[in-house]
Protein backbone atom coordinates (compact mmCIF):
# COMPACT_ATOMS: atom_id res chain seq x y z
CA MET A 1 -100.55 44.73 -8.94
CA GLU A 2 -97.76 45.23 -6.95
CA PRO A 3 -95.96 48.67 -7.21
CA ALA A 4 -93.81 48.78 -10.46
CA ARG A 5 -89.78 48.55 -10.19
CA ILE A 6 -88.25 50.97 -12.45
CA GLU A 7 -84.95 52.45 -12.67
CA HIS A 8 -82.45 54.51 -14.74
CA ILE A 9 -80.37 52.24 -16.64
CA ASP A 10 -77.34 54.68 -16.36
CA THR A 11 -77.63 54.16 -12.42
CA PRO A 12 -75.90 50.91 -10.19
CA GLU A 13 -79.22 50.28 -9.60
CA GLY A 14 -80.94 50.30 -13.03
CA ARG A 15 -77.82 48.17 -14.26
CA ILE A 16 -78.51 45.39 -11.54
CA LEU A 17 -81.84 45.49 -12.64
CA TRP A 18 -81.28 45.04 -16.26
CA ARG A 19 -78.52 41.91 -15.47
CA GLU A 20 -81.90 40.58 -13.68
CA MET A 21 -84.37 41.27 -16.44
CA LEU A 22 -81.69 39.56 -19.26
CA GLY A 23 -81.52 36.75 -17.22
CA VAL A 24 -85.03 35.99 -17.17
CA LEU A 25 -85.31 36.53 -21.23
CA PRO A 26 -81.75 37.73 -23.19
CA GLY A 27 -83.60 38.84 -26.11
CA LEU A 28 -84.41 41.96 -24.15
CA GLN A 29 -80.98 43.22 -25.40
CA ALA A 30 -82.40 43.26 -28.95
CA ILE A 31 -84.97 45.37 -28.33
CA LEU A 32 -82.93 48.07 -26.45
CA ASN A 33 -80.26 48.10 -29.13
CA PHE A 34 -82.66 48.50 -32.15
CA VAL A 35 -84.55 51.26 -30.69
CA THR A 36 -81.56 53.14 -29.05
CA GLU A 37 -80.21 52.72 -32.62
CA LYS A 38 -83.06 54.16 -34.51
CA GLN A 39 -83.37 56.85 -32.07
CA SER A 40 -79.72 58.09 -32.05
CA ALA A 41 -80.23 58.56 -35.84
CA ALA A 42 -83.40 60.92 -35.07
CA ALA A 43 -82.58 64.99 -36.02
CA PRO A 44 -83.65 67.07 -33.36
CA GLY A 45 -87.23 68.31 -33.81
CA ARG A 46 -87.97 65.58 -36.16
CA LEU A 47 -90.73 62.90 -35.70
CA PHE A 48 -89.06 59.83 -34.30
CA TRP A 49 -89.12 56.65 -36.07
CA TYR A 50 -91.92 55.13 -34.17
CA GLN A 51 -93.75 57.96 -34.92
CA THR A 52 -93.33 58.03 -38.45
CA GLU A 53 -94.70 54.68 -38.51
CA LEU A 54 -97.70 55.10 -36.21
CA PHE A 55 -98.48 57.73 -38.67
CA GLU A 56 -98.40 55.93 -41.72
CA ARG A 57 -99.67 52.33 -40.61
CA TRP A 58 -100.59 52.65 -37.23
CA PHE A 59 -98.21 50.25 -35.58
CA PHE A 60 -94.55 50.48 -35.36
CA ARG A 61 -91.73 47.30 -35.54
CA ILE A 62 -89.38 45.61 -33.07
CA PRO A 63 -87.47 42.63 -32.70
CA SER A 64 -89.25 39.98 -30.65
CA PRO A 65 -86.93 39.30 -27.45
CA HIS A 66 -88.23 35.72 -27.92
CA THR A 67 -87.44 34.50 -31.69
CA GLY A 68 -85.60 37.56 -33.28
CA CYS A 69 -88.37 38.14 -35.86
CA MET A 70 -89.69 41.80 -36.37
CA ILE A 71 -93.18 42.11 -34.92
CA HIS A 72 -95.29 45.24 -34.65
CA SER A 73 -96.88 47.31 -31.66
CA GLY A 74 -100.37 46.82 -31.02
CA ASP A 75 -102.89 49.12 -28.93
CA SER A 76 -101.30 51.57 -26.24
CA TRP A 77 -102.22 53.47 -23.43
CA THR A 78 -101.52 57.36 -22.63
CA GLY A 79 -101.99 59.12 -19.48
CA ASP A 80 -102.44 62.53 -17.89
CA HIS A 81 -98.62 62.97 -17.40
CA GLN A 82 -98.37 62.13 -21.58
CA ALA A 83 -96.67 58.55 -21.16
CA THR A 84 -97.66 56.44 -23.68
CA PHE A 85 -97.06 52.50 -23.08
CA PHE A 86 -97.35 50.18 -25.98
CA ARG A 87 -98.12 46.49 -26.19
CA PHE A 88 -97.28 44.00 -28.38
CA PRO A 89 -99.52 41.18 -29.55
CA ASP A 90 -96.80 38.64 -30.28
CA ALA A 91 -95.04 39.50 -27.25
CA ALA A 92 -97.61 40.04 -24.47
CA ASP A 93 -94.74 40.23 -21.60
CA VAL A 94 -92.84 43.66 -22.84
CA VAL A 95 -94.17 46.87 -22.94
CA LEU A 96 -92.51 49.89 -24.16
CA ALA A 97 -93.04 53.40 -23.10
CA SER A 98 -92.70 57.14 -24.45
CA TYR A 99 -92.27 60.27 -22.70
CA GLY A 100 -90.80 63.18 -22.26
CA SER A 101 -92.19 66.20 -24.12
CA SER A 102 -89.09 68.77 -24.01
CA GLU A 103 -87.43 65.98 -26.26
CA GLY A 104 -90.28 65.03 -28.55
CA PHE A 105 -91.45 61.96 -26.94
CA PRO A 106 -88.77 59.62 -27.46
CA ILE A 107 -89.22 56.12 -26.51
CA GLY A 108 -87.39 56.02 -23.11
CA ALA A 109 -88.31 52.73 -21.08
CA LEU A 110 -88.46 48.98 -21.71
CA LEU A 111 -91.16 47.46 -19.13
CA PHE A 112 -91.38 43.55 -18.44
CA THR A 113 -94.55 41.74 -16.96
CA ALA A 114 -92.20 38.23 -16.36
CA PRO A 115 -91.51 35.77 -14.73
CA THR A 116 -94.17 36.90 -11.62
CA PRO A 117 -97.99 38.04 -12.97
CA GLY A 118 -98.95 41.19 -11.88
CA CYS A 119 -95.25 42.43 -11.30
CA VAL A 120 -93.72 44.97 -13.63
CA SER A 121 -90.38 45.50 -13.78
CA GLY A 122 -88.09 48.21 -15.98
CA VAL A 123 -85.66 49.87 -17.09
CA ALA A 124 -85.52 53.70 -18.11
CA PHE A 125 -83.02 54.84 -20.73
CA GLY A 126 -84.12 57.87 -22.08
CA MET A 127 -84.65 61.55 -20.12
CA ARG A 128 -83.08 60.95 -16.07
CA ASP A 129 -86.47 62.19 -15.16
CA PHE A 130 -89.00 59.90 -15.93
CA SER A 131 -91.93 60.77 -13.04
CA PRO A 132 -94.04 61.04 -16.20
CA LEU A 133 -93.65 57.40 -16.43
CA THR A 134 -94.00 56.48 -12.68
CA ASP A 135 -97.09 58.91 -12.42
CA ASP A 136 -99.03 56.89 -15.34
CA ILE A 137 -97.47 53.50 -14.86
CA LEU A 138 -100.08 51.83 -12.34
CA GLU A 139 -103.24 53.12 -14.09
CA ALA A 140 -101.52 51.62 -17.52
CA PHE A 141 -100.88 48.28 -16.31
CA GLN A 142 -104.61 48.19 -14.54
CA ALA A 143 -106.24 49.01 -17.69
CA PHE A 144 -104.09 46.30 -19.69
CA SER A 145 -105.21 43.76 -17.12
CA MET A 146 -108.75 44.63 -18.03
CA ARG A 147 -108.20 44.16 -21.70
CA ALA A 148 -106.66 40.56 -21.18
CA GLY A 149 -107.18 38.82 -23.80
CA GLN A 150 -107.44 41.54 -26.37
CA SER A 151 -103.92 42.34 -26.61
CA ALA A 152 -104.47 40.72 -30.50
CA LEU A 153 -107.60 42.70 -31.18
CA PRO A 154 -107.19 44.55 -34.50
CA LEU A 155 -106.23 48.22 -34.47
CA SER A 156 -109.46 50.28 -35.00
CA SER A 157 -108.16 53.73 -34.89
CA ALA A 158 -105.17 55.88 -33.86
CA THR A 159 -104.65 59.04 -32.17
CA ALA A 160 -101.60 61.96 -32.24
CA ILE A 161 -101.91 64.09 -29.14
CA LEU A 162 -100.71 67.43 -29.39
CA ALA A 163 -100.53 69.48 -26.05
CA ASN A 164 -101.36 73.09 -25.56
CA SER A 165 -97.73 74.83 -24.40
CA SER A 166 -96.29 77.36 -26.23
CA LEU A 167 -92.98 75.28 -26.77
CA GLU A 168 -95.17 71.99 -28.36
CA THR A 169 -97.50 74.58 -30.05
CA ALA A 170 -94.14 75.56 -31.77
CA ARG A 171 -93.28 72.08 -32.49
CA ALA A 172 -96.21 71.24 -33.60
CA HIS A 173 -95.84 73.70 -36.43
CA MET A 174 -92.05 72.62 -37.25
CA LEU A 175 -93.55 69.20 -37.93
CA ALA A 176 -96.29 70.04 -39.87
CA LYS A 177 -94.30 70.09 -43.49
CA GLU A 178 -93.03 66.64 -42.45
CA ILE A 179 -96.24 65.02 -40.99
CA ALA A 180 -97.60 66.58 -44.48
CA PHE A 181 -95.27 64.83 -46.89
CA LEU A 182 -95.42 61.13 -45.10
CA LYS A 183 -96.43 58.48 -47.14
CA ASN A 184 -98.45 55.21 -47.32
CA TRP A 185 -101.47 56.49 -44.94
CA ARG A 186 -103.38 53.66 -43.73
CA GLN A 187 -106.14 55.45 -42.47
CA PRO A 188 -107.04 58.61 -40.94
CA VAL A 189 -104.95 59.85 -37.79
CA THR A 190 -106.88 61.83 -35.47
CA PHE A 191 -105.28 64.88 -33.66
CA SER A 192 -106.46 65.45 -30.54
CA ILE A 193 -105.70 68.86 -29.51
CA ARG A 194 -105.83 69.34 -25.79
CA GLN A 195 -108.26 72.28 -24.21
CA GLY A 196 -108.56 73.54 -27.68
CA ALA A 197 -105.23 75.55 -27.53
CA LEU A 198 -103.85 74.86 -31.08
CA ASP A 199 -105.35 76.20 -34.44
CA PRO A 200 -105.61 72.81 -36.66
CA SER A 201 -104.89 74.64 -39.89
CA PHE A 202 -101.20 74.31 -39.42
CA LEU A 203 -101.59 71.32 -41.60
CA PRO A 204 -102.76 71.00 -45.32
CA ALA A 205 -106.52 70.67 -45.61
CA ASP A 206 -105.93 67.35 -47.69
CA LEU A 207 -104.01 65.94 -45.38
CA PRO A 208 -105.73 62.51 -44.11
CA ALA A 209 -106.40 63.50 -40.50
CA ALA A 210 -109.41 64.48 -38.37
CA PHE A 211 -109.46 66.78 -35.57
CA HIS A 212 -110.99 67.12 -32.32
CA ALA A 213 -110.30 69.04 -28.95
CA THR A 214 -110.50 66.95 -25.86
CA SER A 215 -108.26 66.81 -22.08
CA LEU A 216 -108.06 63.16 -21.97
CA PRO A 217 -106.78 60.51 -24.23
CA ASP A 218 -108.91 57.73 -25.87
CA ASN A 219 -107.34 54.58 -24.48
CA ARG A 220 -109.87 51.97 -25.55
CA ALA A 221 -108.51 48.58 -26.28
CA GLY A 222 -107.92 48.29 -30.00
CA HIS A 223 -106.82 51.77 -30.22
CA VAL A 224 -103.31 53.76 -30.55
CA SER A 225 -102.62 56.64 -28.93
CA PHE A 226 -99.49 58.62 -28.94
CA CYS A 227 -97.72 61.82 -28.32
CA VAL A 228 -95.84 64.18 -30.39
């Protein structure tokens, strides 16, 4: 795989790259508009729209860059630097990525794998420091390439990853009520508590969730992980 070409969209280089991407697939603009509009409506300290949908359904929806119809995410891959890359079975050339623990892990990058196989281009539109994204991207796409033909596997499990710093622990407690009041849980979501530093009792006992302590993300095909 060639090194990924990623620029922030608010830089001259990023705007040039974005125009190049739109020249290949104009429908990428609809994805960017949809995601940024959704995220701008989120209150500080609350779950983002995609996190809510992942808790409730194990997938979130975006407009297809090819047809304009709504499509849903498939499995994902989370790296050691807590960047998560989400695939879309009906738009295999598009990947969305979340990063940025200090902001609650909003979706902050749109990545594109066409027209050249093995070449990834993308724009970050979240935090200016997108080093977690660039640190994790190579391993993520290597894993995706090994899953060739498996992008349409039905989802079998989901994990919400909680880290262990005091800031993230405090945020996890603030989100407890919001998570507890979510409706229409599809299946239990596992809470992965890195290094066992967070007491899982912050969530109500009757919540359809399981807990385990681990320092490694679960990145199996057919599994969705995401950071909160």
